[in-house]
Amino acid sequence: MFRNLCLLAALSLSACVAVGPKYTPPDVQKLQDNYIYGNRPLYVAGKADEGPISWWQAFDDPNIDRVVALARENNRDLARVAAQLEASRAAASAARRGLLPQGGVGFSITRQEAAQAAFAGFAGGGGGGEDGGDAPPPAGDNPEFTLYQAQAQASWEVDLFGRLRRQTQAAAARQSAQAALLADTERLVIADAVDTYLLVLEALSRRRVALDNLALQRRSLDLIGELFRLGEVPELDVLRQDTDVNTTAAQLTVIENAVAD
């Protein structure tokens, strides 16, 4: 008997080894070398929740900082991925709780009034009168009583074959993947916002240069027209300068439309 118990204990201990492949997080420090140029890494193991590097601050432009802040607050894709990260964190926390003992307690108080018929006498086959049986309580005299109830329960699933441990590891892996996805989404949103802002600055600069050129060309047109009236230059010079003015005005219209978009 003792030998059989020892054999059963040995088999139980051997069954405690978790089945299935063991999850190993990828080494992002090595993976990024194939896709990122430079010595400063964008991905750091275990720091996915810290967000992207503040590379836009190198421009030293308060307007860019405000644009980035607005993009972070109002981008719906970023909010959706952030909500998914919170859901994955909750799932990972629930999976970890599965390894712990579960329990609960309850307590209730009930005030009841017994029916009069429950106290009527039926002993001796009598009907409750002067000759036999117990007399029933007077009409309207129903006893009241209070019922106190308390309960407690506890359970613990022994993870013999590692199912709960593997579920916990899978939930933690999904949480890490969602955190990395959030960091990537934030990087893309910030890059797009900064790129759009720089394109607007470029369009405004081109507009300013086009306005200056148009003013100079119109002044030149006036001077050439005056020389033509004095007979100093042929009419072809006036027409050529007028063409330049119209071309610059058309280019200015295109630039202003780009700024408006």
Protein backbone atom coordinates (compact mmCIF):
# COMPACT_ATOMS: atom_id res chain seq x y z
CA MET A 1 0.00 0.00 0.00
CA PHE A 2 2.75 2.40 0.95
CA ARG A 3 4.60 1.57 -2.26
CA ASN A 4 1.52 2.32 -4.34
CA LEU A 5 1.10 5.69 -2.60
CA CYS A 6 4.74 6.62 -3.32
CA LEU A 7 4.30 5.66 -6.96
CA LEU A 8 1.13 7.77 -7.20
CA ALA A 9 2.91 10.76 -5.63
CA ALA A 10 5.80 10.44 -8.09
CA LEU A 11 3.42 10.37 -11.03
CA SER A 12 1.59 13.43 -9.70
CA LEU A 13 4.82 15.39 -9.37
CA SER A 14 5.90 14.45 -12.89
CA ALA A 15 2.52 15.59 -14.19
CA CYS A 16 3.07 19.05 -12.70
CA VAL A 17 5.46 19.85 -15.54
CA ALA A 18 3.70 22.24 -17.94
CA VAL A 19 2.92 20.82 -21.33
CA GLY A 20 3.24 22.69 -24.61
CA PRO A 21 6.01 24.93 -25.96
CA LYS A 22 7.48 27.49 -23.61
CA TYR A 23 6.98 31.06 -24.80
CA THR A 24 10.17 33.04 -25.35
CA PRO A 25 9.86 36.79 -26.08
CA PRO A 26 11.62 37.86 -29.30
CA ASP A 27 14.88 39.76 -29.06
CA VAL A 28 13.86 43.09 -30.57
CA GLN A 29 17.38 44.45 -30.14
CA LYS A 30 18.60 42.05 -32.83
CA LEU A 31 15.54 42.31 -35.06
CA GLN A 32 15.72 46.08 -35.38
CA ASP A 33 19.26 45.96 -36.78
CA ASN A 34 17.79 44.68 -40.06
CA TYR A 35 15.34 47.55 -40.48
CA ILE A 36 16.66 50.62 -38.65
CA TYR A 37 19.68 52.65 -39.65
CA GLY A 38 21.66 54.38 -36.95
CA ASN A 39 23.07 53.76 -33.50
CA ARG A 40 20.07 54.92 -31.45
CA PRO A 41 17.43 52.18 -31.15
CA LEU A 42 13.75 52.97 -31.49
CA TYR A 43 12.67 49.71 -29.84
CA VAL A 44 13.89 48.91 -26.34
CA ALA A 45 13.02 45.59 -24.71
CA GLY A 46 10.56 46.01 -21.85
CA LYS A 47 9.92 49.70 -22.57
CA ALA A 48 7.10 49.55 -25.08
CA ASP A 49 4.76 51.49 -22.78
CA GLU A 50 7.07 54.50 -22.52
CA GLY A 51 6.12 55.73 -25.99
CA PRO A 52 8.30 56.91 -28.86
CA ILE A 53 11.46 58.94 -28.59
CA SER A 54 10.69 62.68 -28.73
CA TRP A 55 12.62 63.19 -31.96
CA TRP A 56 10.40 66.10 -33.08
CA GLN A 57 11.76 68.23 -30.24
CA ALA A 58 15.01 68.54 -32.20
CA PHE A 59 13.24 71.14 -34.38
CA ASP A 60 12.90 73.37 -31.27
CA ASP A 61 9.52 74.59 -32.54
CA PRO A 62 6.69 75.08 -30.02
CA ASN A 63 4.16 74.79 -32.86
CA ILE A 64 5.36 71.26 -33.66
CA ASP A 65 4.98 70.33 -29.99
CA ARG A 66 1.39 71.58 -30.06
CA VAL A 67 0.66 69.70 -33.29
CA VAL A 68 2.01 66.47 -31.79
CA ALA A 69 -0.02 66.97 -28.62
CA LEU A 70 -3.22 67.51 -30.64
CA ALA A 71 -2.52 64.44 -32.76
CA ARG A 72 -2.04 62.28 -29.68
CA GLU A 73 -5.25 63.51 -28.05
CA ASN A 74 -7.61 63.45 -31.05
CA ASN A 75 -6.46 60.59 -33.28
CA ARG A 76 -9.13 57.87 -33.31
CA ASP A 77 -6.81 55.09 -34.44
CA LEU A 78 -4.55 55.80 -31.49
CA ALA A 79 -7.51 55.81 -29.10
CA ARG A 80 -8.75 52.49 -30.53
CA VAL A 81 -5.38 50.77 -30.11
CA ALA A 82 -5.04 52.20 -26.59
CA ALA A 83 -8.45 50.74 -25.69
CA GLN A 84 -7.36 47.36 -27.09
CA LEU A 85 -4.24 47.54 -24.92
CA GLU A 86 -6.36 48.12 -21.83
CA ALA A 87 -8.50 45.12 -22.78
CA SER A 88 -5.41 42.92 -23.20
CA ARG A 89 -4.12 44.05 -19.80
CA ALA A 90 -7.43 43.12 -18.21
CA ALA A 91 -7.32 39.71 -19.92
CA ALA A 92 -3.76 39.12 -18.69
CA SER A 93 -4.77 40.07 -15.16
CA ALA A 94 -7.73 37.68 -15.31
CA ALA A 95 -5.46 34.89 -16.55
CA ARG A 96 -3.06 35.47 -13.66
CA ARG A 97 -5.91 35.31 -11.17
CA GLY A 98 -6.74 31.86 -12.47
CA LEU A 99 -3.58 30.57 -10.75
CA LEU A 100 -4.78 31.80 -7.36
CA PRO A 101 -7.40 30.34 -5.02
CA GLN A 102 -10.90 31.64 -5.65
CA GLY A 103 -13.39 32.36 -2.89
CA GLY A 104 -16.42 34.31 -1.81
CA VAL A 105 -18.62 35.08 1.19
CA GLY A 106 -22.26 36.02 1.58
CA PHE A 107 -24.63 37.03 4.35
CA SER A 108 -28.38 37.65 4.41
CA ILE A 109 -31.13 38.45 6.92
CA THR A 110 -34.75 37.49 6.25
CA ARG A 111 -37.78 38.53 8.34
CA GLN A 112 -40.71 36.17 7.88
CA GLU A 113 -44.21 35.65 9.23
CA ALA A 114 -45.45 32.05 9.58
CA ALA A 115 -48.88 31.08 8.29
CA GLN A 116 -51.44 30.28 10.98
CA ALA A 117 -52.24 26.90 9.41
CA ALA A 118 -48.69 25.72 10.03
CA PHE A 119 -49.38 25.79 13.77
CA ALA A 120 -52.78 24.13 13.69
CA GLY A 121 -52.97 20.85 15.59
CA PHE A 122 -53.30 17.63 13.68
CA ALA A 123 -52.21 15.23 16.41
CA GLY A 124 -54.38 12.27 17.25
CA GLY A 125 -56.33 12.61 14.05
CA GLY A 126 -58.31 15.36 15.71
CA GLY A 127 -59.43 18.56 14.23
CA GLY A 128 -58.33 20.94 16.91
CA GLY A 129 -61.20 21.34 19.37
CA GLU A 130 -62.10 20.76 22.97
CA ASP A 131 -61.94 16.93 22.73
CA GLY A 132 -58.57 16.37 21.03
CA GLY A 133 -55.52 17.93 19.43
CA ASP A 134 -53.86 21.20 20.06
CA ALA A 135 -55.91 24.29 19.65
CA PRO A 136 -54.73 26.64 16.83
CA PRO A 137 -53.46 30.09 17.66
CA PRO A 138 -56.03 32.83 17.82
CA ALA A 139 -57.00 34.38 14.50
CA GLY A 140 -54.51 36.98 13.33
CA ASP A 141 -51.81 35.80 15.74
CA ASN A 142 -49.15 34.65 13.23
CA PRO A 143 -45.67 34.23 14.74
CA GLU A 144 -42.80 36.24 13.22
CA PHE A 145 -39.19 35.12 13.14
CA THR A 146 -35.84 36.28 11.68
CA LEU A 147 -33.66 34.00 9.56
CA TYR A 148 -29.91 34.66 9.45
CA GLN A 149 -27.88 33.02 6.69
CA ALA A 150 -24.13 33.13 6.08
CA GLN A 151 -22.14 31.22 3.49
CA ALA A 152 -18.56 30.99 2.30
CA GLN A 153 -16.99 29.13 -0.55
CA ALA A 154 -13.45 28.56 -1.78
CA SER A 155 -11.91 26.73 -4.71
CA TRP A 156 -8.48 26.26 -6.19
CA GLU A 157 -7.77 24.56 -9.49
CA VAL A 158 -4.46 22.74 -9.24
CA ASP A 159 -2.56 23.38 -12.47
CA LEU A 160 -1.15 19.88 -12.86
CA PHE A 161 -0.64 19.96 -16.63
CA GLY A 162 0.21 23.64 -17.04
CA ARG A 163 -2.97 24.77 -18.80
CA LEU A 164 -3.39 27.85 -16.63
CA ARG A 165 0.28 28.72 -16.82
CA ARG A 166 0.26 28.53 -20.61
CA GLN A 167 -2.88 30.68 -20.73
CA THR A 168 -1.18 33.24 -18.49
CA GLN A 169 1.90 33.29 -20.70
CA ALA A 170 -0.22 33.65 -23.84
CA ALA A 171 -2.17 36.55 -22.32
CA ALA A 172 1.07 38.26 -21.30
CA ALA A 173 2.42 37.80 -24.84
CA ARG A 174 -0.74 39.32 -26.34
CA GLN A 175 -0.42 42.26 -23.95
CA SER A 176 3.19 42.85 -25.03
CA ALA A 177 2.21 42.66 -28.69
CA GLN A 178 -0.61 45.16 -28.15
CA ALA A 179 1.76 47.52 -26.32
CA ALA A 180 4.20 47.35 -29.23
CA LEU A 181 1.33 47.99 -31.67
CA LEU A 182 0.30 51.05 -29.68
CA ALA A 183 3.87 52.38 -29.73
CA ASP A 184 4.10 51.83 -33.51
CA THR A 185 0.74 53.51 -34.09
CA GLU A 186 1.80 56.48 -31.99
CA ARG A 187 5.04 56.78 -33.97
CA LEU A 188 3.13 56.75 -37.26
CA VAL A 189 0.59 59.31 -36.06
CA ILE A 190 3.31 61.66 -34.80
CA ALA A 191 5.37 61.27 -37.98
CA ASP A 192 2.34 62.00 -40.16
CA ALA A 193 1.40 65.07 -38.08
CA VAL A 194 4.93 66.50 -38.18
CA ASP A 195 5.26 65.75 -41.91
CA THR A 196 1.99 67.55 -42.64
CA TYR A 197 3.07 70.54 -40.56
CA LEU A 198 6.40 70.76 -42.40
CA LEU A 199 4.62 70.52 -45.77
CA VAL A 200 2.39 73.42 -44.73
CA LEU A 201 5.45 75.46 -43.76
CA GLU A 202 7.04 74.67 -47.10
CA ALA A 203 3.88 75.74 -48.96
CA LEU A 204 3.72 78.98 -46.98
CA SER A 205 7.37 79.72 -47.77
CA ARG A 206 6.77 79.06 -51.48
CA ARG A 207 3.72 81.31 -51.36
CA ARG A 208 5.74 84.12 -49.80
CA VAL A 209 8.47 83.78 -52.43
CA ALA A 210 5.88 83.68 -55.24
CA LEU A 211 4.24 86.85 -53.94
CA ASP A 212 7.59 88.65 -53.84
CA ASN A 213 8.40 87.47 -57.38
CA LEU A 214 4.99 88.55 -58.65
CA ALA A 215 5.43 92.03 -57.15
CA LEU A 216 8.89 92.40 -58.73
CA GLN A 217 7.68 91.15 -62.13
CA ARG A 218 4.73 93.57 -62.15
CA ARG A 219 7.07 96.43 -61.35
CA SER A 220 9.35 95.32 -64.18
CA LEU A 221 6.32 95.19 -66.48
CA ASP A 222 5.48 98.79 -65.62
CA LEU A 223 9.08 99.89 -66.31
CA ILE A 224 9.26 98.02 -69.63
CA GLY A 225 5.89 99.45 -70.65
CA GLU A 226 7.18 102.96 -69.94
CA LEU A 227 10.31 102.27 -72.02
CA PHE A 228 8.12 100.98 -74.82
CA ARG A 229 6.10 104.18 -74.82
CA LEU A 230 9.37 106.11 -75.05
CA GLY A 231 10.46 103.95 -77.98
CA GLU A 232 13.41 102.41 -76.17
CA VAL A 233 12.34 98.77 -76.34
CA PRO A 234 10.25 96.76 -78.81
CA GLU A 235 6.74 95.55 -78.03
CA LEU A 236 8.03 91.97 -77.84
CA ASP A 237 9.76 92.78 -74.52
CA VAL A 238 6.47 94.00 -73.08
CA LEU A 239 4.66 90.85 -74.19
CA ARG A 240 7.42 88.61 -72.80
CA GLN A 241 7.31 90.31 -69.41
CA ASP A 242 3.51 90.16 -69.34
CA THR A 243 3.75 86.40 -69.96
CA ASP A 244 6.12 86.02 -67.02
CA VAL A 245 3.69 87.90 -64.78
CA ASN A 246 0.78 85.67 -65.79
CA THR A 247 2.87 82.51 -65.29
CA THR A 248 3.89 83.55 -61.79
CA ALA A 249 0.28 84.45 -60.94
CA ALA A 250 -0.87 81.00 -62.07
CA GLN A 251 1.84 79.33 -59.96
CA LEU A 252 0.73 81.40 -56.97
CA THR A 253 -2.83 80.11 -57.39
CA VAL A 254 -1.60 76.51 -57.33
CA ILE A 255 0.47 77.18 -54.19
CA GLU A 256 -2.47 78.84 -52.41
CA ASN A 257 -4.67 75.85 -53.22
CA ALA A 258 -2.04 73.54 -51.71
CA VAL A 259 -1.92 75.66 -48.56
CA ALA A 260 -5.73 75.55 -48.29
CA ASP A 261 -5.77 71.76 -48.61
